[in-house]
Amino acid sequence: MEKAPESKEGSPARVAVLLLLFWAISAGLICWCRWRPDWGLWAFALYFSSVILCVLLSFVAAVPTIPRSRKPFMQALWYTVLVGMLPALVAFLLLRRLEEMDEDVMDFFENVALCLTAISLLALWIGGTDVVGIWGLQPLATAGIMSWAPVVYLQSTILWIVVVYNLTHFIGSVDLSVEMDLPFPLQVTYLVLVTLWFSSFLRVLCTRPGKPKDFESEMLSPKPRPNNQVFCVFCQSQKPQRCRHCTKCGACVLRMDHHCPWLRQCIGFGNYKYFVAFITYSAVALLFKAVTLMLFTVRAFHGEITFWTKLWLVSTEALVIALAGTMTAFAAFHLYLCAIGMTTIEFLTRNEKKEKYEKKVSFDQGLCGNLQAALGSIPLFWLFPACPPSGDGRTFPHKVLPHDVDKRTKESQRALAISEETALKEKEASNRPTQPCLESTAEPTCLEHQQDGCVAAEKEGEDPV
């Protein structure tokens, strides 16, 4: 209880140390650029790297913001402004007042302003995703129009990237757009990627995940059913294998993977293949755009373009790189789930303790079988927005796994009981009066043989694995 005030007092001290350290580094790099203008590009690279390092150190060392904020994007924005923008602005105003601003130093400050503004806009965009993502996780029946906020936010982000990439010559001071500047083979590749991505996006939006029907309406009791069917008290119906009740949609979903607030629906048996294709093509298209947009931006910076055109290009490049990294990791995770035959919910709850009447079930059919069960039976069309997997979404090939944890628990309890019995017998024997030793004709009792007999007796009647 006495350490809490010390930590509160130490937090401003850590903030002051971090700010003073990186203020000194920023001042040194600005002076280096002023004295050695020919090294301005290296000074800018080190200046930008020092700001990123300061932001990362603030997370690693748990250095808070003042005022305190638990949002990571606010912490990144706070240190970017204080460590990066504030020293550069002070130095810019001071050198301009002293009339010691030459062209190389001006380029240094322009590059710093571009990159730090792009990072700040990216932090604000991440903050927006955090806010609208929380709105999208509310039940659709009570959220109302707010449940559409993540969808609108996603569409706005996609629209902005498309406009900057395909209509650069209309919004900026350049002659050609990024897409028009591509060689013809890359233009064809880009067109194919966009077509596959857009068709997958439409399929996942327009395809329902699938809902089970009432199989036995005359028996409405929340007891386990055969074939791993469980009764849903919310829908008043039985849930087939791998079916889950979504509290956001208010319905049971066949082979439910997760609820996606950015699409405003669940991802299940009916649309999972299209979802995997959508995120896979999103990752590939974003990586393609990140590389080609970066090359276009480097060439554009050598020409005569306005500051706002540079800002649009740099900020969009930062957004595309962040989205490409996120979608690549997300697509790799879901392709891994397809390979091992699991859903997101099954993967996250794989170590949870089952109820006594529940059996641990594995739906693993091998690499090829798992991919066919998730993406369809034809390998050529696994990532094509057509040819969905066969089946009704209610029954799946599976095998029952042994309850190893329960067996180990029973064996440990049995060993403990035997040891307690042995200790009790030894205590009784020590309390008896001493008697002369007599030859015994009874056969000796072996506790280990008795234990093996109990184990063999308990195993009788169990289902073979």
Protein backbone atom coordinates (compact mmCIF):
# COMPACT_ATOMS: atom_id res chain seq x y z
CA MET A 1 0.00 0.00 0.00
CA GLU A 2 2.96 2.33 0.60
CA LYS A 3 4.50 1.76 -2.85
CA ALA A 4 1.64 3.28 -4.83
CA PRO A 5 2.49 6.96 -4.05
CA GLU A 6 6.14 6.31 -4.95
CA SER A 7 5.20 4.96 -8.37
CA LYS A 8 2.95 7.94 -9.00
CA GLU A 9 5.77 10.31 -8.05
CA GLY A 10 8.28 8.39 -10.17
CA SER A 11 6.21 8.56 -13.34
CA PRO A 12 6.74 12.31 -14.00
CA ALA A 13 10.45 11.81 -13.31
CA ARG A 14 10.68 9.09 -15.95
CA VAL A 15 8.80 11.32 -18.39
CA ALA A 16 11.19 14.21 -17.73
CA VAL A 17 14.27 12.02 -18.18
CA LEU A 18 12.97 10.60 -21.47
CA LEU A 19 12.02 14.02 -22.83
CA LEU A 20 15.30 15.69 -21.82
CA LEU A 21 17.35 12.86 -23.34
CA PHE A 22 15.65 12.96 -26.71
CA TRP A 23 15.41 16.74 -26.73
CA ALA A 24 19.19 16.78 -26.47
CA ILE A 25 19.46 14.27 -29.32
CA SER A 26 17.08 16.32 -31.48
CA ALA A 27 18.97 19.52 -30.79
CA GLY A 28 22.27 17.85 -31.64
CA LEU A 29 20.94 16.54 -34.97
CA ILE A 30 19.50 19.95 -35.90
CA CYS A 31 22.84 21.61 -35.14
CA TRP A 32 24.63 18.95 -37.19
CA CYS A 33 22.35 19.69 -40.14
CA ARG A 34 22.98 23.43 -39.72
CA TRP A 35 26.77 23.07 -39.64
CA ARG A 36 26.99 20.30 -42.28
CA PRO A 37 24.18 20.92 -44.80
CA ASP A 38 25.55 18.25 -47.14
CA TRP A 39 24.73 15.65 -44.46
CA GLY A 40 21.14 16.85 -44.16
CA LEU A 41 19.63 13.57 -45.43
CA TRP A 42 21.51 11.53 -42.84
CA ALA A 43 20.55 14.01 -40.13
CA PHE A 44 16.90 13.69 -41.11
CA ALA A 45 17.08 9.86 -41.07
CA LEU A 46 18.63 9.88 -37.60
CA TYR A 47 16.15 12.48 -36.37
CA PHE A 48 13.18 10.45 -37.53
CA SER A 49 14.68 7.25 -36.11
CA SER A 50 15.24 8.91 -32.74
CA VAL A 51 11.56 9.90 -32.56
CA ILE A 52 10.47 6.32 -33.34
CA LEU A 53 12.95 5.03 -30.74
CA CYS A 54 11.54 7.41 -28.14
CA VAL A 55 8.00 6.18 -28.80
CA LEU A 56 9.10 2.54 -28.52
CA LEU A 57 11.03 3.21 -25.31
CA SER A 58 7.97 4.87 -23.80
CA PHE A 59 6.09 1.58 -24.30
CA VAL A 60 8.91 -0.71 -23.17
CA ALA A 61 9.78 1.32 -20.07
CA ALA A 62 6.10 2.00 -19.30
CA VAL A 63 6.62 5.76 -19.37
CA PRO A 64 3.15 7.35 -19.25
CA THR A 65 1.81 10.50 -20.81
CA ILE A 66 0.87 13.67 -18.96
CA PRO A 67 -2.11 13.77 -18.66
CA ARG A 68 -2.28 10.00 -18.38
CA SER A 69 -3.87 7.99 -21.16
CA ARG A 70 -4.15 4.22 -21.47
CA LYS A 71 -4.58 4.39 -25.24
CA PRO A 72 -1.39 3.39 -27.10
CA PHE A 73 -2.12 5.68 -30.02
CA MET A 74 -2.38 8.67 -27.66
CA GLN A 75 0.98 7.80 -26.13
CA ALA A 76 2.59 7.54 -29.57
CA LEU A 77 1.00 10.83 -30.66
CA TRP A 78 2.04 12.59 -27.44
CA TYR A 79 5.74 11.69 -27.70
CA THR A 80 5.81 12.29 -31.47
CA VAL A 81 4.62 15.85 -30.94
CA LEU A 82 6.84 16.62 -27.93
CA VAL A 83 10.06 14.93 -29.04
CA GLY A 84 9.77 15.37 -32.81
CA MET A 85 7.60 18.32 -33.75
CA LEU A 86 8.26 20.71 -30.86
CA PRO A 87 12.09 20.88 -31.17
CA ALA A 88 11.88 21.14 -34.96
CA LEU A 89 9.31 23.95 -34.74
CA VAL A 90 11.38 25.91 -32.20
CA ALA A 91 14.55 25.53 -34.27
CA PHE A 92 12.72 26.48 -37.47
CA LEU A 93 11.32 29.68 -35.97
CA LEU A 94 14.67 30.58 -34.38
CA LEU A 95 16.70 30.08 -37.58
CA ARG A 96 14.12 31.95 -39.62
CA ARG A 97 14.26 34.88 -37.23
CA LEU A 98 18.05 34.92 -37.38
CA GLU A 99 17.85 34.69 -41.21
CA GLU A 100 20.18 31.68 -41.27
CA MET A 101 17.85 29.38 -43.20
CA ASP A 102 19.41 27.95 -46.36
CA GLU A 103 17.90 25.51 -48.85
CA ASP A 104 19.41 22.35 -47.36
CA VAL A 105 18.21 23.18 -43.86
CA MET A 106 14.78 24.03 -45.27
CA ASP A 107 14.64 20.60 -46.93
CA PHE A 108 15.56 19.01 -43.60
CA PHE A 109 12.66 20.70 -41.78
CA GLU A 110 10.25 19.91 -44.64
CA ASN A 111 11.15 16.22 -44.52
CA VAL A 112 10.77 16.16 -40.74
CA ALA A 113 7.37 17.83 -40.97
CA LEU A 114 6.20 15.39 -43.65
CA CYS A 115 7.20 12.21 -41.84
CA LEU A 116 6.11 13.28 -38.36
CA THR A 117 2.76 14.52 -39.69
CA ALA A 118 2.27 11.18 -41.45
CA ILE A 119 3.04 9.30 -38.23
CA SER A 120 0.64 11.53 -36.29
CA LEU A 121 -2.13 10.96 -38.84
CA LEU A 122 -1.48 7.22 -38.66
CA ALA A 123 -1.76 7.34 -34.86
CA LEU A 124 -5.07 9.21 -35.16
CA TRP A 125 -6.32 6.63 -37.69
CA ILE A 126 -5.41 3.81 -35.30
CA GLY A 127 -7.27 5.65 -32.57
CA GLY A 128 -10.30 5.88 -34.82
CA THR A 129 -10.21 2.12 -35.45
CA ASP A 130 -10.10 1.55 -31.70
CA VAL A 131 -13.17 3.70 -31.10
CA VAL A 132 -15.35 2.40 -33.93
CA GLY A 133 -14.21 -1.15 -33.25
CA ILE A 134 -15.69 -0.91 -29.75
CA TRP A 135 -18.94 0.37 -31.23
CA GLY A 136 -19.02 -2.61 -33.58
CA LEU A 137 -18.72 -5.11 -30.72
CA GLN A 138 -22.08 -4.15 -29.27
CA PRO A 139 -25.13 -6.36 -29.92
CA LEU A 140 -26.65 -5.44 -33.28
CA ALA A 141 -30.16 -5.35 -31.82
CA THR A 142 -29.28 -2.57 -29.37
CA ALA A 143 -26.42 -0.78 -31.17
CA GLY A 144 -28.64 0.60 -33.93
CA ILE A 145 -26.88 2.81 -36.46
CA MET A 146 -23.64 2.73 -34.44
CA SER A 147 -23.05 -0.86 -35.55
CA TRP A 148 -22.48 0.47 -39.09
CA ALA A 149 -19.62 2.72 -37.96
CA PRO A 150 -16.85 0.10 -38.49
CA VAL A 151 -18.21 -0.70 -41.96
CA VAL A 152 -18.26 2.97 -42.97
CA TYR A 153 -14.79 3.48 -41.47
CA LEU A 154 -13.39 0.54 -43.45
CA GLN A 155 -15.01 1.71 -46.69
CA SER A 156 -13.67 5.24 -46.17
CA THR A 157 -10.14 3.92 -45.66
CA ILE A 158 -10.35 1.78 -48.80
CA LEU A 159 -11.77 4.71 -50.79
CA TRP A 160 -8.94 7.02 -49.70
CA ILE A 161 -6.26 4.51 -50.73
CA VAL A 162 -7.95 3.92 -54.10
CA VAL A 163 -8.25 7.66 -54.78
CA VAL A 164 -4.60 8.39 -53.95
CA TYR A 165 -3.38 5.39 -55.94
CA ASN A 166 -5.58 5.69 -59.02
CA LEU A 167 -6.33 9.44 -59.13
CA THR A 168 -3.03 10.91 -57.97
CA HIS A 169 -2.83 13.29 -60.94
CA PHE A 170 -6.20 14.82 -60.02
CA ILE A 171 -5.52 15.50 -56.33
CA GLY A 172 -1.81 16.32 -56.59
CA SER A 173 0.68 18.21 -58.70
CA VAL A 174 1.87 15.18 -60.70
CA ASP A 175 1.28 14.28 -64.33
CA LEU A 176 0.37 10.59 -63.88
CA SER A 177 -1.26 8.54 -61.16
CA VAL A 178 0.54 5.67 -59.46
CA GLU A 179 -1.53 3.13 -61.39
CA MET A 180 -0.89 4.84 -64.75
CA ASP A 181 2.85 5.01 -64.03
CA LEU A 182 3.10 1.21 -63.75
CA PRO A 183 4.49 -0.88 -66.64
CA PHE A 184 1.87 -2.77 -68.63
CA PRO A 185 2.54 -6.21 -67.02
CA LEU A 186 2.19 -4.69 -63.56
CA GLN A 187 -1.00 -2.90 -64.62
CA VAL A 188 -2.49 -6.25 -65.65
CA THR A 189 -1.34 -7.81 -62.36
CA TYR A 190 -2.90 -4.95 -60.42
CA LEU A 191 -6.19 -5.28 -62.33
CA VAL A 192 -6.36 -9.03 -61.62
CA LEU A 193 -5.61 -8.48 -57.93
CA VAL A 194 -8.27 -5.79 -57.59
CA THR A 195 -10.84 -7.95 -59.40
CA LEU A 196 -10.23 -10.96 -57.16
CA TRP A 197 -10.18 -8.79 -54.04
CA PHE A 198 -13.40 -6.94 -54.90
CA SER A 199 -15.29 -10.11 -55.87
CA SER A 200 -14.19 -11.81 -52.63
CA PHE A 201 -15.27 -8.74 -50.69
CA LEU A 202 -18.73 -8.82 -52.27
CA ARG A 203 -19.10 -12.56 -51.67
CA VAL A 204 -18.22 -12.32 -47.99
CA LEU A 205 -20.61 -9.38 -47.55
CA CYS A 206 -23.53 -10.98 -49.37
CA THR A 207 -23.14 -14.57 -48.07
CA ARG A 208 -24.65 -15.50 -44.73
CA PRO A 209 -22.57 -17.65 -42.35
CA GLY A 210 -25.39 -20.21 -41.90
CA LYS A 211 -27.79 -20.92 -39.02
CA PRO A 212 -29.02 -24.29 -37.71
CA LYS A 213 -32.67 -25.35 -37.64
CA ASP A 214 -34.69 -26.86 -34.81
CA PHE A 215 -34.21 -30.61 -35.05
CA GLU A 216 -36.34 -31.71 -32.10
CA SER A 217 -38.89 -29.07 -31.25
CA GLU A 218 -40.77 -31.42 -28.90
CA MET A 219 -37.77 -31.81 -26.56
CA LEU A 220 -36.73 -28.45 -25.21
CA SER A 221 -34.42 -29.18 -22.30
CA PRO A 222 -30.86 -27.91 -21.86
CA LYS A 223 -29.26 -31.35 -21.72
CA PRO A 224 -26.47 -32.72 -23.88
CA ARG A 225 -27.67 -34.44 -27.02
CA PRO A 226 -26.09 -37.31 -28.92
CA ASN A 227 -23.56 -36.63 -31.64
CA ASN A 228 -22.08 -33.72 -29.65
CA GLN A 229 -25.25 -31.62 -29.99
CA VAL A 230 -25.94 -29.14 -27.21
CA PHE A 231 -29.10 -27.22 -26.51
CA CYS A 232 -29.01 -23.42 -26.90
CA VAL A 233 -31.12 -21.69 -24.28
CA PHE A 234 -31.10 -18.43 -26.27
CA CYS A 235 -32.34 -19.82 -29.61
CA GLN A 236 -34.33 -22.67 -27.98
CA SER A 237 -32.84 -25.18 -30.42
CA GLN A 238 -30.09 -27.74 -30.63
CA LYS A 239 -26.60 -26.74 -31.71
CA PRO A 240 -24.82 -29.11 -34.08
CA GLN A 241 -21.09 -29.75 -34.04
CA ARG A 242 -18.89 -26.63 -33.98
CA CYS A 243 -21.94 -24.37 -33.78
CA ARG A 244 -21.74 -21.35 -31.46
CA HIS A 245 -24.20 -18.72 -30.31
CA CYS A 246 -23.11 -15.19 -31.24
CA THR A 247 -24.18 -12.63 -28.66
CA LYS A 248 -23.59 -9.82 -31.17
CA CYS A 249 -25.84 -11.22 -33.91
CA GLY A 250 -28.21 -12.92 -31.44
CA ALA A 251 -28.22 -16.23 -33.34
CA CYS A 252 -26.41 -19.55 -33.54
CA VAL A 253 -23.88 -19.77 -36.36
CA LEU A 254 -22.74 -22.97 -38.07
CA ARG A 255 -19.00 -23.62 -37.62
CA MET A 256 -18.61 -20.14 -36.20
CA ASP A 257 -15.13 -18.67 -36.56
CA HIS A 258 -15.62 -15.20 -35.08
CA HIS A 259 -17.79 -12.09 -35.26
CA CYS A 260 -16.29 -9.43 -37.53
CA PRO A 261 -17.44 -5.88 -36.65
CA TRP A 262 -15.81 -4.50 -39.83
CA LEU A 263 -18.20 -6.59 -41.94
CA ARG A 264 -21.09 -6.39 -39.45
CA GLN A 265 -21.73 -10.10 -39.46
CA CYS A 266 -20.35 -13.42 -38.28
CA ILE A 267 -17.84 -15.49 -40.18
CA GLY A 268 -19.02 -19.10 -40.30
CA PHE A 269 -19.43 -22.15 -42.48
CA GLY A 270 -21.19 -20.33 -45.32
CA ASN A 271 -18.76 -17.44 -45.85
CA TYR A 272 -15.48 -18.51 -44.25
CA LYS A 273 -13.85 -19.41 -47.57
CA TYR A 274 -14.72 -16.00 -49.03
CA PHE A 275 -13.39 -14.32 -45.89
CA VAL A 276 -10.04 -16.12 -46.18
CA ALA A 277 -9.84 -15.18 -49.86
CA PHE A 278 -10.73 -11.56 -49.04
CA ILE A 279 -8.02 -11.09 -46.39
CA THR A 280 -5.45 -12.98 -48.49
CA TYR A 281 -6.01 -10.78 -51.56
CA SER A 282 -6.11 -7.73 -49.30
CA ALA A 283 -2.65 -8.58 -47.96
CA VAL A 284 -1.22 -9.21 -51.45
CA ALA A 285 -2.80 -6.08 -52.93
CA LEU A 286 -1.59 -3.90 -50.04
CA LEU A 287 1.95 -5.24 -50.31
CA PHE A 288 1.83 -4.55 -54.06
CA LYS A 289 0.59 -1.01 -53.45
CA ALA A 290 3.13 -0.37 -50.67
CA VAL A 291 6.08 -1.19 -52.96
CA THR A 292 4.81 0.58 -56.07
CA LEU A 293 3.63 3.65 -54.14
CA MET A 294 7.00 3.96 -52.41
CA LEU A 295 8.85 3.86 -55.74
CA PHE A 296 6.46 6.44 -57.20
CA THR A 297 6.91 8.70 -54.17
CA VAL A 298 10.70 8.57 -54.39
CA ARG A 299 10.58 9.55 -58.08
CA ALA A 300 8.01 12.28 -57.40
CA PHE A 301 10.17 13.86 -54.69
CA HIS A 302 12.88 14.51 -57.28
CA GLY A 303 10.47 16.66 -59.28
CA GLU A 304 8.62 19.87 -58.54
CA ILE A 305 5.58 18.94 -56.45
CA THR A 306 3.80 20.85 -53.71
CA PHE A 307 4.07 20.17 -50.00
CA TRP A 308 0.49 18.91 -49.83
CA THR A 309 1.07 16.39 -52.60
CA LYS A 310 4.09 15.11 -50.70
CA LEU A 311 2.01 14.89 -47.53
CA TRP A 312 -0.74 12.89 -49.25
CA LEU A 313 1.79 10.47 -50.71
CA VAL A 314 3.79 9.99 -47.50
CA SER A 315 0.77 9.66 -45.20
CA THR A 316 -0.91 7.19 -47.58
CA GLU A 317 2.31 5.19 -47.80
CA ALA A 318 2.48 4.96 -44.00
CA LEU A 319 -1.16 3.84 -43.86
CA VAL A 320 -0.68 1.23 -46.60
CA ILE A 321 2.44 -0.20 -44.91
CA ALA A 322 0.63 -0.47 -41.56
CA LEU A 323 -2.39 -2.14 -43.18
CA ALA A 324 -0.20 -4.47 -45.26
CA GLY A 325 1.63 -5.70 -42.18
CA THR A 326 -1.61 -6.23 -40.27
CA MET A 327 -3.43 -8.02 -43.07
CA THR A 328 -0.42 -10.21 -43.87
CA ALA A 329 -0.25 -11.45 -40.29
CA PHE A 330 -4.05 -11.89 -40.19
CA ALA A 331 -4.11 -13.85 -43.46
CA ALA A 332 -1.20 -16.05 -42.35
CA PHE A 333 -3.02 -16.85 -39.11
CA HIS A 334 -6.22 -17.91 -40.88
CA LEU A 335 -4.34 -19.96 -43.47
CA TYR A 336 -2.65 -21.71 -40.54
CA LEU A 337 -6.07 -22.37 -38.99
CA CYS A 338 -7.24 -23.86 -42.30
CA ALA A 339 -4.18 -26.11 -42.36
CA ILE A 340 -4.77 -27.50 -38.84
CA GLY A 341 -8.56 -27.77 -39.19
CA MET A 342 -9.58 -25.34 -36.44
CA THR A 343 -11.63 -22.17 -36.13
CA THR A 344 -10.53 -19.06 -34.28
CA ILE A 345 -12.78 -19.88 -31.32
CA GLU A 346 -11.55 -23.48 -31.20
CA PHE A 347 -7.94 -22.28 -31.33
CA LEU A 348 -8.42 -19.77 -28.50
CA THR A 349 -10.35 -22.23 -26.30
CA ARG A 350 -8.25 -25.32 -27.04
CA ASN A 351 -6.83 -25.42 -23.48
CA GLU A 352 -10.08 -24.77 -21.63
CA LYS A 353 -11.33 -27.44 -19.23
CA LYS A 354 -14.29 -29.40 -20.57
CA GLU A 355 -17.39 -30.36 -18.63
CA LYS A 356 -17.75 -33.92 -17.39
CA TYR A 357 -20.23 -34.87 -20.09
CA GLU A 358 -18.27 -33.14 -22.89
CA LYS A 359 -15.71 -35.04 -24.92
CA LYS A 360 -12.55 -33.57 -26.33
CA VAL A 361 -13.00 -33.75 -30.10
CA SER A 362 -10.47 -33.23 -32.89
CA PHE A 363 -11.55 -32.29 -36.41
CA ASP A 364 -8.06 -32.69 -37.88
CA GLN A 365 -8.17 -34.58 -41.20
CA GLY A 366 -4.60 -33.99 -42.29
CA LEU A 367 -3.24 -31.03 -44.24
CA CYS A 368 -5.03 -31.70 -47.52
CA GLY A 369 -8.28 -32.76 -45.84
CA ASN A 370 -8.33 -29.68 -43.62
CA LEU A 371 -7.77 -27.33 -46.55
CA GLN A 372 -10.50 -29.05 -48.56
CA ALA A 373 -12.93 -28.83 -45.63
CA ALA A 374 -12.32 -25.07 -45.30
CA LEU A 375 -11.65 -23.91 -48.88
CA GLY A 376 -13.33 -26.48 -51.10
CA SER A 377 -12.51 -29.80 -52.70
CA ILE A 378 -10.76 -28.36 -55.79
CA PRO A 379 -7.25 -27.06 -54.95
CA LEU A 380 -7.17 -24.85 -58.05
CA PHE A 381 -10.11 -22.81 -56.68
CA TRP A 382 -9.10 -22.68 -53.01
CA LEU A 383 -8.59 -18.89 -53.13
CA PHE A 384 -11.13 -18.24 -55.87
CA PRO A 385 -14.41 -16.60 -54.71
CA ALA A 386 -16.46 -19.58 -55.90
CA CYS A 387 -16.82 -23.35 -55.33
CA PRO A 388 -17.53 -23.36 -51.57
CA PRO A 389 -16.74 -26.43 -49.46
CA SER A 390 -19.21 -29.30 -49.51
CA GLY A 391 -21.32 -30.36 -46.55
CA ASP A 392 -24.24 -29.04 -44.54
CA GLY A 393 -22.19 -27.34 -41.82
CA ARG A 394 -23.76 -29.55 -39.11
CA THR A 395 -21.62 -32.69 -39.07
CA PHE A 396 -17.88 -33.02 -39.59
CA PRO A 397 -15.46 -35.96 -39.57
CA HIS A 398 -13.92 -36.10 -36.12
CA LYS A 399 -12.29 -38.30 -33.53
CA VAL A 400 -12.66 -38.33 -29.75
CA LEU A 401 -9.46 -37.67 -27.84
CA PRO A 402 -8.71 -39.21 -24.41
CA HIS A 403 -9.03 -37.03 -21.32
CA ASP A 404 -5.40 -37.23 -20.32
CA VAL A 405 -5.77 -34.58 -17.68
CA ASP A 406 -8.64 -36.42 -15.98
CA LYS A 407 -6.70 -39.69 -16.05
CA ARG A 408 -3.65 -38.11 -14.49
CA THR A 409 -5.85 -36.56 -11.83
CA LYS A 410 -7.43 -39.92 -10.97
CA GLU A 411 -4.05 -41.62 -10.81
CA SER A 412 -2.62 -38.95 -8.52
CA GLN A 413 -5.65 -39.17 -6.23
CA ARG A 414 -5.32 -42.97 -6.14
CA ALA A 415 -1.60 -42.77 -5.31
CA LEU A 416 -2.35 -40.26 -2.54
CA ALA A 417 -5.01 -42.53 -1.04
CA ILE A 418 -2.63 -45.52 -1.10
CA SER A 419 0.15 -43.53 0.57
CA GLU A 420 -2.24 -42.34 3.30
CA GLU A 421 -3.40 -45.92 3.87
CA THR A 422 0.18 -47.10 4.14
CA ALA A 423 1.07 -44.34 6.60
CA LEU A 424 -1.99 -45.20 8.72
CA LYS A 425 -1.04 -48.89 8.86
CA GLU A 426 2.52 -48.06 9.84
CA LYS A 427 1.26 -45.78 12.61
CA GLU A 428 -1.02 -48.53 13.96
CA ALA A 429 1.79 -51.04 13.83
CA SER A 430 4.10 -48.74 15.77
CA ASN A 431 1.49 -48.31 18.53
CA ARG A 432 1.01 -52.06 19.09
CA PRO A 433 2.90 -53.82 21.91
CA THR A 434 5.88 -55.83 20.87
CA GLN A 435 5.24 -59.54 20.29
CA PRO A 436 7.51 -62.38 19.36
CA CYS A 437 7.88 -62.92 15.68
CA LEU A 438 5.74 -65.77 14.34
CA GLU A 439 5.98 -67.36 10.97
CA SER A 440 3.10 -66.27 8.76
CA THR A 441 1.48 -68.55 6.23
CA ALA A 442 -0.48 -65.78 4.49
CA GLU A 443 0.72 -64.51 1.14
CA PRO A 444 2.20 -60.99 1.21
CA THR A 445 0.02 -58.15 -0.09
CA CYS A 446 1.55 -55.95 -2.81
CA LEU A 447 0.13 -52.45 -3.03
CA GLU A 448 1.41 -51.97 -6.57
CA HIS A 449 -0.41 -55.08 -7.78
CA GLN A 450 -3.52 -53.84 -6.02
CA GLN A 451 -3.19 -50.44 -7.70
CA ASP A 452 -2.80 -52.04 -11.13
CA GLY A 453 -5.92 -54.08 -10.50
CA CYS A 454 -7.90 -50.94 -9.60
CA VAL A 455 -6.70 -49.20 -12.75
CA ALA A 456 -7.66 -52.18 -14.88
CA ALA A 457 -11.07 -52.33 -13.22
CA GLU A 458 -11.76 -48.66 -13.79
CA LYS A 459 -10.81 -48.87 -17.43
CA GLU A 460 -13.45 -51.45 -18.11
CA GLY A 461 -16.45 -49.99 -19.86
CA GLU A 462 -14.61 -46.96 -21.29
CA ASP A 463 -14.99 -46.10 -24.97
CA PRO A 464 -11.91 -47.19 -26.93
CA VAL A 465 -9.90 -44.30 -28.38
